[in-house]
Protein backbone atom coordinates (compact mmCIF):
# COMPACT_ATOMS: atom_id res chain seq x y z
CA MET A 1 -21.85 2.10 12.87
CA THR A 2 -22.15 4.32 9.77
CA LEU A 3 -25.65 5.63 9.20
CA LYS A 4 -26.94 5.53 5.64
CA PRO A 5 -27.76 9.07 4.46
CA GLN A 6 -31.41 9.71 3.68
CA SER A 7 -32.46 10.12 0.07
CA THR A 8 -34.40 13.19 -1.03
CA ALA A 9 -37.55 11.08 -1.24
CA GLU A 10 -37.06 9.79 2.32
CA MET A 11 -36.58 13.34 3.64
CA LEU A 12 -39.68 14.49 1.79
CA ALA A 13 -41.64 11.53 3.15
CA GLY A 14 -40.54 12.54 6.66
CA SER A 15 -41.78 16.10 6.14
CA LEU A 16 -45.12 14.90 4.75
CA ARG A 17 -45.44 12.44 7.63
CA LYS A 18 -45.03 15.30 10.13
CA MET A 19 -47.65 17.35 8.28
CA ILE A 20 -50.08 14.45 8.46
CA ASN A 21 -49.40 13.79 12.13
CA ASN A 22 -49.74 17.43 13.20
CA GLY A 23 -52.95 17.93 11.24
CA SER A 24 -51.63 20.17 8.47
CA LEU A 25 -52.72 17.41 6.10
CA PRO A 26 -55.84 15.92 7.75
CA ASP A 27 -57.57 12.67 6.86
CA GLY A 28 -58.89 12.68 3.31
CA SER A 29 -56.55 15.45 2.09
CA ARG A 30 -55.34 15.09 -1.48
CA LEU A 31 -51.59 15.04 -1.97
CA VAL A 32 -51.20 16.89 -5.25
CA GLU A 33 -47.78 15.92 -6.51
CA ARG A 34 -47.24 19.09 -8.57
CA ASP A 35 -48.24 21.47 -5.77
CA LEU A 36 -46.18 19.68 -3.13
CA ALA A 37 -43.13 19.57 -5.39
CA SER A 38 -43.44 23.33 -5.86
CA GLN A 39 -43.92 23.88 -2.13
CA PHE A 40 -40.75 21.96 -1.28
CA ALA A 41 -38.82 23.29 -4.31
CA VAL A 42 -38.06 19.82 -5.70
CA SER A 43 -38.88 17.97 -8.90
CA ARG A 44 -41.93 15.75 -9.11
CA VAL A 45 -39.87 12.55 -9.27
CA PRO A 46 -38.67 12.46 -5.61
CA MET A 47 -42.07 13.78 -4.46
CA ARG A 48 -43.78 10.91 -6.29
CA GLU A 49 -41.40 8.47 -4.62
CA ALA A 50 -42.03 10.07 -1.20
CA ILE A 51 -45.77 9.60 -1.60
CA ARG A 52 -45.20 5.97 -2.57
CA LEU A 53 -43.17 5.48 0.61
CA LEU A 54 -46.08 6.81 2.66
CA GLU A 55 -48.40 4.47 0.80
CA GLN A 56 -46.16 1.55 1.81
CA GLU A 57 -46.40 2.71 5.44
CA GLY A 58 -50.20 2.70 5.28
CA MET A 59 -50.54 6.47 5.71
CA VAL A 60 -51.66 7.26 2.16
CA ASP A 61 -54.00 5.61 -0.34
CA ILE A 62 -53.41 6.07 -4.07
CA PHE A 63 -56.44 5.90 -6.37
CA ARG A 64 -56.38 5.81 -10.15
CA ASN A 65 -58.72 8.77 -10.66
CA ARG A 66 -58.21 10.74 -7.42
CA GLY A 67 -54.48 10.42 -6.94
CA ALA A 68 -52.96 10.21 -3.46
CA VAL A 69 -55.13 10.83 -0.39
CA VAL A 70 -54.28 10.79 3.32
CA ARG A 71 -55.75 7.55 4.57
CA THR A 72 -58.60 7.63 7.10
CA LEU A 73 -58.39 4.77 9.59
CA SER A 74 -61.53 3.01 10.76
CA VAL A 75 -62.13 1.62 14.23
CA GLU A 76 -61.36 -1.80 12.76
CA ASP A 77 -58.04 -0.50 11.42
CA ILE A 78 -57.15 0.89 14.85
CA ALA A 79 -58.04 -2.43 16.50
CA GLU A 80 -55.82 -4.37 14.10
CA ILE A 81 -52.91 -1.95 14.51
CA TYR A 82 -53.03 -2.10 18.30
CA GLU A 83 -53.35 -5.87 18.30
CA LEU A 84 -50.15 -6.07 16.25
CA ARG A 85 -48.46 -3.42 18.38
CA ALA A 86 -49.18 -5.33 21.56
CA LEU A 87 -47.66 -8.50 20.14
CA LEU A 88 -44.60 -6.84 18.61
CA GLU A 89 -43.84 -4.48 21.48
CA GLY A 90 -44.30 -7.27 24.00
CA GLU A 91 -41.77 -9.35 22.09
CA ALA A 92 -39.37 -6.40 21.79
CA ILE A 93 -39.28 -5.68 25.50
CA PHE A 94 -39.07 -9.38 26.40
CA ASN A 95 -35.85 -9.65 24.41
CA SER A 96 -34.60 -6.22 25.46
CA VAL A 97 -34.80 -6.83 29.22
CA GLN A 98 -32.12 -9.47 28.93
CA ASN A 99 -29.72 -6.88 27.47
CA MET A 100 -30.78 -3.80 29.45
CA ASP A 101 -27.99 -1.92 31.22
CA ALA A 102 -28.19 0.47 34.17
CA GLU A 103 -27.73 3.57 31.99
CA THR A 104 -30.66 2.70 29.73
CA LEU A 105 -32.87 1.98 32.72
CA ALA A 106 -31.89 5.29 34.36
CA ARG A 107 -32.72 7.21 31.17
CA ALA A 108 -36.08 5.44 30.93
CA GLU A 109 -36.86 6.38 34.53
CA LEU A 110 -35.96 10.03 33.85
CA THR A 111 -38.14 10.07 30.72
CA HIS A 112 -40.96 8.51 32.74
CA THR A 113 -40.72 11.40 35.22
CA LEU A 114 -40.62 14.02 32.45
CA LEU A 115 -43.67 12.45 30.83
CA GLY A 116 -45.59 12.71 34.10
CA ASN A 117 -44.74 16.43 34.32
CA ALA A 118 -45.52 17.26 30.67
CA GLU A 119 -48.37 19.73 30.23
CA ASP A 120 -49.09 19.51 26.51
CA ALA A 121 -49.80 16.72 24.05
CA ASP A 122 -46.74 17.41 21.87
CA ARG A 123 -44.29 17.03 24.72
CA GLN A 124 -46.20 14.03 26.02
CA GLY A 125 -45.90 12.31 22.67
CA GLU A 126 -42.15 12.95 22.50
CA HIS A 127 -41.49 11.57 25.96
CA ASN A 128 -43.81 8.61 25.45
CA ARG A 129 -42.07 7.58 22.24
CA GLU A 130 -38.65 7.99 23.86
CA PHE A 131 -39.71 5.96 26.92
CA HIS A 132 -40.78 2.99 24.84
CA GLY A 133 -37.85 3.34 22.45
CA LEU A 134 -35.36 3.12 25.29
CA LEU A 135 -36.96 -0.01 26.69
CA TYR A 136 -37.18 -1.76 23.32
CA ARG A 137 -33.85 -0.95 21.72
CA GLY A 138 -31.99 -3.76 23.49
CA CYS A 139 -33.99 -6.39 21.59
CA GLN A 140 -31.29 -6.31 18.90
CA ASN A 141 -33.78 -6.83 16.10
CA LYS A 142 -33.81 -3.89 13.69
CA ARG A 143 -36.67 -5.27 11.61
CA LEU A 144 -38.86 -5.69 14.67
CA LEU A 145 -38.16 -2.09 15.76
CA ALA A 146 -38.86 -0.83 12.23
CA MET A 147 -42.23 -2.61 12.20
CA ILE A 148 -43.11 -1.06 15.55
CA ASP A 149 -42.19 2.42 14.27
CA GLU A 150 -44.25 1.91 11.13
CA LEU A 151 -47.35 0.98 13.13
CA ARG A 152 -46.87 3.94 15.46
CA ASN A 153 -46.54 6.28 12.48
CA GLN A 154 -49.90 5.12 11.17
CA ILE A 155 -51.79 6.19 14.30
CA GLU A 156 -49.67 9.05 15.66
CA ARG A 157 -51.94 11.72 14.20
CA TYR A 158 -54.89 10.35 16.15
CA GLU A 159 -52.92 10.23 19.39
CA HIS A 160 -51.75 13.80 18.78
CA PHE A 161 -55.30 15.14 18.69
CA GLN A 162 -56.73 12.74 21.22
CA HIS A 163 -57.39 15.10 24.12
CA ARG A 164 -58.35 12.25 26.43
CA LEU A 165 -54.71 11.20 26.48
CA LEU A 166 -54.03 14.21 28.68
CA SER A 167 -56.60 13.16 31.25
CA ALA A 168 -55.49 9.54 30.98
CA THR A 169 -51.86 10.36 31.74
CA GLN A 170 -51.98 9.13 35.33
CA ALA A 171 -53.42 5.78 34.27
CA PHE A 172 -50.75 5.43 31.60
CA GLN A 173 -48.07 6.51 34.06
CA HIS A 174 -49.14 3.74 36.42
CA GLU A 175 -48.88 1.25 33.56
CA HIS A 176 -45.44 2.62 32.68
CA GLU A 177 -44.37 2.20 36.30
CA LEU A 178 -45.40 -1.46 36.22
CA ILE A 179 -43.34 -1.95 33.06
CA LEU A 180 -40.35 -0.22 34.68
CA ASN A 181 -40.65 -2.36 37.80
CA ALA A 182 -40.50 -5.52 35.71
CA CYS A 183 -37.42 -4.18 33.90
CA ARG A 184 -35.74 -3.25 37.20
CA GLU A 185 -36.30 -6.79 38.42
CA GLY A 186 -35.02 -8.26 35.16
CA ASN A 187 -38.33 -10.11 34.74
CA ALA A 188 -38.68 -10.33 30.96
CA GLU A 189 -42.02 -12.18 30.99
CA ALA A 190 -43.61 -9.68 33.39
CA ALA A 191 -42.32 -6.81 31.24
CA ARG A 192 -43.92 -8.41 28.18
CA GLN A 193 -47.26 -8.91 29.92
CA GLU A 194 -47.36 -5.36 31.34
CA THR A 195 -46.43 -3.90 27.94
CA PHE A 196 -49.12 -5.99 26.27
CA ARG A 197 -51.74 -4.72 28.75
CA HIS A 198 -50.53 -1.13 28.36
CA ILE A 199 -50.79 -1.15 24.56
CA GLU A 200 -54.23 -2.77 24.77
CA SER A 201 -55.32 -0.05 27.21
CA ALA A 202 -54.10 2.73 24.90
CA GLY A 203 -55.89 1.05 22.00
CA ARG A 204 -59.21 1.00 23.88
CA VAL A 205 -58.94 4.72 24.63
CA LEU A 206 -58.18 5.57 21.02
CA LYS A 207 -60.91 3.32 19.61
CA ASP A 208 -63.40 5.02 21.93
CA PHE A 209 -62.23 8.42 20.69
CA ILE A 210 -62.52 7.42 17.02
CA SER A 211 -65.94 5.83 17.60
CA LYS A 212 -67.29 9.01 19.18
CA GLY A 213 -65.92 11.06 16.31
CA ILE A 214 -67.67 8.84 13.79
CA SER A 215 -70.94 9.00 15.77
CA ALA A 216 -70.75 12.80 15.93
CA GLN A 217 -70.52 12.99 12.12
CA LYS A 218 -73.69 10.95 11.59
């Protein structure tokens, strides 16, 4: 399969997305088109398009008088995102289990082990995304996978700075093991239910983190 090359705007959107997720552009930051174009040594046209792409993903809000601003998600936003994630990711793994081969399962098991041994949030996030990606890719529905990625992109910055994820690793690892067991057994419905519960669990942890952050600012 030939991959479509990324446009300049798509590459710029990817760079801005990373800056948002790693905290270089925190919630509420203004995205000044002129300054960013200068920083990346591009014209304002592709930068404007890149910002529009991030708006479509739900990462940026564009206001008439303020311009583009990194969107701040509320607890309600997080709840809605995780509700959708649970439904979509449950469906993805249900369909994927039926097409899962031994190599994919072995790679998922290795990634599961690496995740358990990871000592920092960055590496954890990489392994966690890879673990789920491996288990979902057999669903053979590109639009479904794209929707899942878009929802993950919206909340990745909160997961990145959510220190409780480190202490919650063992609980998440147990949930991952239950998902893997269902995949090993070829039980698509069990895999869907365990994935649903896992995403709901992660959502509760993140909502608690966001709620405490809001309370601390009052």
